[in-house]
Amino acid sequence: MGPADLVQADPDRHLRPHPGRHRVGRGSRWRDCTSNAGFKNRVVEQRATLGVDVEVVTKDPQARGFSVVKRRWVVERSLGWIMQHRRLARDYEALPDNSASMIRIAMIDNLAKRLTNETTPT
């Protein structure tokens, strides 16, 4: 995932994994991923060298105006869930690893609430 102002034809510097952190195989974080049509060529080539399957999601060419793109709603829903946690609503974390940990904790909290049918007091 990159910043919103990223030119989609040139995502390399934002999507390049850190050496040793994103390994493929046992214990891997990336096994497969979904890509926007704007990222198609470079992402598919780059991920193929890492052994990651990439599914390129495109908009229906006959659809006019807004249309839901397959799997994109999952990202939007997940971001909405994360934004319910006050600490993650802004960029408070100085280190990316701290931010990743806070996101993981927020998602664990969300899933635990779903499993127990607990609601958050308003």
Protein backbone atom coordinates (compact mmCIF):
# COMPACT_ATOMS: atom_id res chain seq x y z
CA MET A 1 0.00 0.00 0.00
CA GLY A 2 1.37 3.40 -0.89
CA PRO A 3 0.38 7.04 -0.45
CA ALA A 4 -2.72 8.38 -2.20
CA ASP A 5 -0.72 10.73 -4.43
CA LEU A 6 1.48 7.93 -5.77
CA VAL A 7 1.60 7.82 -9.56
CA GLN A 8 0.32 4.33 -10.22
CA ALA A 9 2.52 3.70 -13.22
CA ASP A 10 5.66 3.96 -11.05
CA PRO A 11 5.10 2.24 -7.68
CA ASP A 12 8.53 0.63 -7.32
CA ARG A 13 10.03 2.63 -4.50
CA HIS A 14 6.93 2.28 -2.30
CA LEU A 15 6.23 -1.40 -2.91
CA ARG A 16 9.74 -2.81 -2.72
CA PRO A 17 9.99 -5.11 0.30
CA HIS A 18 12.76 -4.69 2.84
CA PRO A 19 15.44 -7.37 2.46
CA GLY A 20 14.92 -10.18 4.93
CA ARG A 21 11.63 -8.86 6.32
CA HIS A 22 9.24 -9.97 3.59
CA ARG A 23 10.49 -13.40 2.74
CA VAL A 24 8.53 -15.84 0.66
CA GLY A 25 7.99 -19.36 1.89
CA ARG A 26 7.44 -20.71 5.36
CA GLY A 27 6.58 -17.86 7.73
CA SER A 28 6.02 -15.51 4.82
CA ARG A 29 3.88 -12.42 5.07
CA TRP A 30 3.13 -12.26 1.33
CA ARG A 31 1.80 -15.30 -0.48
CA ASP A 32 -0.51 -13.57 -2.89
CA CYS A 33 -1.74 -10.04 -3.41
CA THR A 34 -4.27 -8.05 -5.38
CA SER A 35 -3.16 -5.16 -7.53
CA ASN A 36 -4.88 -2.22 -9.14
CA ALA A 37 -4.80 -2.16 -12.96
CA GLY A 38 -2.51 0.90 -12.85
CA PHE A 39 0.19 -1.16 -11.11
CA LYS A 40 -0.16 -4.12 -13.45
CA ASN A 41 3.16 -4.43 -15.29
CA ARG A 42 5.80 -3.62 -12.70
CA VAL A 43 4.09 -5.20 -9.73
CA VAL A 44 3.44 -8.46 -11.55
CA GLU A 45 7.05 -8.65 -12.75
CA GLN A 46 8.50 -7.70 -9.36
CA ARG A 47 6.32 -10.08 -7.38
CA ALA A 48 6.98 -12.92 -9.83
CA THR A 49 10.68 -12.73 -8.95
CA LEU A 50 9.68 -13.14 -5.27
CA GLY A 51 7.30 -16.02 -5.97
CA VAL A 52 4.16 -14.06 -5.04
CA ASP A 53 0.97 -14.54 -7.05
CA VAL A 54 -0.59 -11.25 -8.17
CA GLU A 55 -4.22 -10.89 -9.19
CA VAL A 56 -4.82 -7.72 -11.23
CA VAL A 57 -8.28 -6.30 -10.55
CA THR A 58 -9.84 -4.17 -13.27
CA LYS A 59 -13.07 -2.23 -13.56
CA ASP A 60 -15.75 -3.63 -15.85
CA PRO A 61 -15.17 -1.80 -19.18
CA GLN A 62 -18.91 -1.55 -19.84
CA ALA A 63 -19.72 -0.01 -16.46
CA ARG A 64 -20.38 3.71 -16.47
CA GLY A 65 -19.79 5.93 -13.46
CA PHE A 66 -19.08 4.35 -10.09
CA SER A 67 -18.85 0.59 -9.86
CA VAL A 68 -17.62 -1.66 -7.09
CA VAL A 69 -14.30 -3.25 -7.99
CA LYS A 70 -13.79 -6.82 -6.83
CA ARG A 71 -11.90 -7.10 -3.50
CA ARG A 72 -11.43 -3.33 -3.11
CA TRP A 73 -14.33 -3.18 -0.65
CA VAL A 74 -12.35 -5.44 1.68
CA VAL A 75 -9.59 -2.85 1.90
CA GLU A 76 -12.03 0.01 2.46
CA ARG A 77 -13.91 -1.95 5.13
CA SER A 78 -10.70 -2.87 6.92
CA LEU A 79 -9.48 0.73 6.89
CA GLY A 80 -12.84 1.80 8.32
CA TRP A 81 -12.47 -0.71 11.15
CA ILE A 82 -8.95 0.47 11.90
CA MET A 83 -9.98 4.14 11.98
CA GLN A 84 -12.37 3.40 14.86
CA HIS A 85 -9.30 3.14 17.07
CA ARG A 86 -8.33 6.60 18.21
CA ARG A 87 -4.57 6.08 18.16
CA LEU A 88 -4.64 4.96 14.53
CA ALA A 89 -6.79 7.84 13.27
CA ARG A 90 -3.63 9.97 12.93
CA ASP A 91 0.03 9.27 12.22
CA TYR A 92 1.27 9.18 15.80
CA GLU A 93 3.79 6.37 15.43
CA ALA A 94 7.34 7.35 14.52
CA LEU A 95 8.41 3.86 13.47
CA PRO A 96 6.60 1.73 10.85
CA ASP A 97 6.99 -1.39 13.01
CA ASN A 98 5.15 0.33 15.87
CA SER A 99 2.36 1.33 13.51
CA ALA A 100 2.11 -2.23 12.17
CA SER A 101 1.87 -3.54 15.73
CA MET A 102 -0.90 -1.08 16.60
CA ILE A 103 -2.83 -2.08 13.47
CA ARG A 104 -2.48 -5.74 14.42
CA ILE A 105 -3.75 -5.01 17.95
CA ALA A 106 -6.68 -3.01 16.54
CA MET A 107 -7.65 -5.85 14.21
CA ILE A 108 -7.39 -8.40 17.03
CA ASP A 109 -9.70 -6.19 19.09
CA ASN A 110 -12.17 -5.88 16.21
CA LEU A 111 -12.22 -9.61 15.55
CA ALA A 112 -12.57 -10.43 19.26
CA LYS A 113 -15.59 -8.11 19.46
CA ARG A 114 -17.12 -9.82 16.44
CA LEU A 115 -16.59 -13.27 17.95
CA THR A 116 -18.13 -12.32 21.30
CA ASN A 117 -20.91 -10.14 19.83
CA GLU A 118 -19.73 -7.33 22.08
CA THR A 119 -20.66 -3.81 21.09
CA THR A 120 -18.69 -0.69 21.81
CA PRO A 121 -20.52 1.80 24.06
CA THR A 122 -21.33 5.05 22.27
